[in-house]
Amino acid sequence: MPGCAIAAVRHNRPTVIVYGGTIQVGERHVDCPAMGYKKGDPVNISDAFESYGELRCLVIVIFRGFD
C-alpha cells in the first residue's frame, strides 16, 4: 500500500486507492513433520512462503502432490 500512495503523490493527480484487506487463514490438508505442522493446523501466507523456501533449499521433500 505505501507504494500506491507514493505513486499517487508523485503524479499529483486525484487518486482512489482500493485495498482488499489481508489474506484469510486456511487449513492444512496434509502433515508436514519436517516443519512441525499437522493436518488441520491453520496456514497463512507466510507459512506458504516459508514452505516454498524450505522446498527450494531441500529441507523438505514432496512425496505426493495435493490438489
Protein backbone atom coordinates (compact mmCIF):
# COMPACT_ATOMS: atom_id res chain seq x y z
CA MET A 1 0.00 0.00 0.00
CA PRO A 2 2.78 2.53 0.64
CA GLY A 3 3.92 2.15 -2.97
CA CYS A 4 0.46 3.11 -4.24
CA ALA A 5 0.33 6.16 -2.01
CA ILE A 6 3.82 7.30 -3.06
CA ALA A 7 2.94 6.90 -6.75
CA ALA A 8 -0.26 8.90 -6.27
CA VAL A 9 1.63 11.74 -4.58
CA ARG A 10 4.36 11.78 -7.24
CA HIS A 11 1.86 12.02 -10.12
CA ASN A 12 -0.07 14.78 -8.35
CA ARG A 13 -3.46 13.53 -9.59
CA PRO A 14 -6.68 12.79 -7.71
CA THR A 15 -6.46 9.12 -6.76
CA VAL A 16 -8.61 6.40 -5.24
CA ILE A 17 -6.72 3.51 -3.68
CA VAL A 18 -8.73 0.31 -3.11
CA TYR A 19 -7.41 -2.10 -0.51
CA GLY A 20 -8.78 -5.64 -0.45
CA GLY A 21 -7.58 -6.50 3.05
CA THR A 22 -5.37 -9.32 4.25
CA ILE A 23 -5.47 -12.91 3.04
CA GLN A 24 -7.68 -15.17 5.16
CA VAL A 25 -6.12 -18.02 7.14
CA GLY A 26 -6.72 -21.51 5.72
CA GLU A 27 -6.36 -25.08 6.94
CA ARG A 28 -3.63 -27.66 6.24
CA HIS A 29 -4.67 -30.72 4.23
CA VAL A 30 -1.55 -32.86 4.82
CA ASP A 31 1.01 -33.42 7.60
CA CYS A 32 4.49 -31.89 7.35
CA PRO A 33 6.63 -33.35 10.15
CA ALA A 34 9.80 -31.66 8.83
CA MET A 35 8.27 -28.27 9.61
CA GLY A 36 6.33 -29.43 12.69
CA TYR A 37 2.83 -29.00 11.21
CA LYS A 38 -0.11 -31.40 11.44
CA LYS A 39 -3.20 -31.85 9.27
CA GLY A 40 -5.89 -29.39 10.33
CA ASP A 41 -3.50 -26.71 11.65
CA PRO A 42 -4.04 -23.15 10.42
CA VAL A 43 -1.93 -21.98 7.47
CA ASN A 44 -1.34 -18.39 6.38
CA ILE A 45 0.51 -16.76 3.51
CA SER A 46 3.83 -16.51 5.38
CA ASP A 47 3.72 -20.27 6.06
CA ALA A 48 3.27 -20.85 2.33
CA PHE A 49 6.31 -18.70 1.51
CA GLU A 50 8.38 -20.42 4.21
CA SER A 51 7.49 -23.89 2.96
CA TYR A 52 8.38 -22.92 -0.61
CA GLY A 53 11.77 -21.65 0.58
CA GLU A 54 12.41 -24.85 2.52
CA LEU A 55 11.43 -26.88 -0.53
CA ARG A 56 13.91 -24.92 -2.68
CA CYS A 57 16.67 -25.45 -0.08
CA LEU A 58 15.81 -29.19 0.07
CA VAL A 59 14.86 -29.04 3.75
CA ILE A 60 11.58 -30.74 2.87
CA VAL A 61 10.80 -33.13 0.01
CA ILE A 62 7.42 -33.61 -1.67
CA PHE A 63 6.43 -37.25 -1.90
CA ARG A 64 2.97 -36.66 -3.36
CA GLY A 65 1.00 -33.72 -4.70
CA PHE A 66 -2.28 -32.44 -3.33
CA ASP A 67 -4.98 -30.66 -5.30
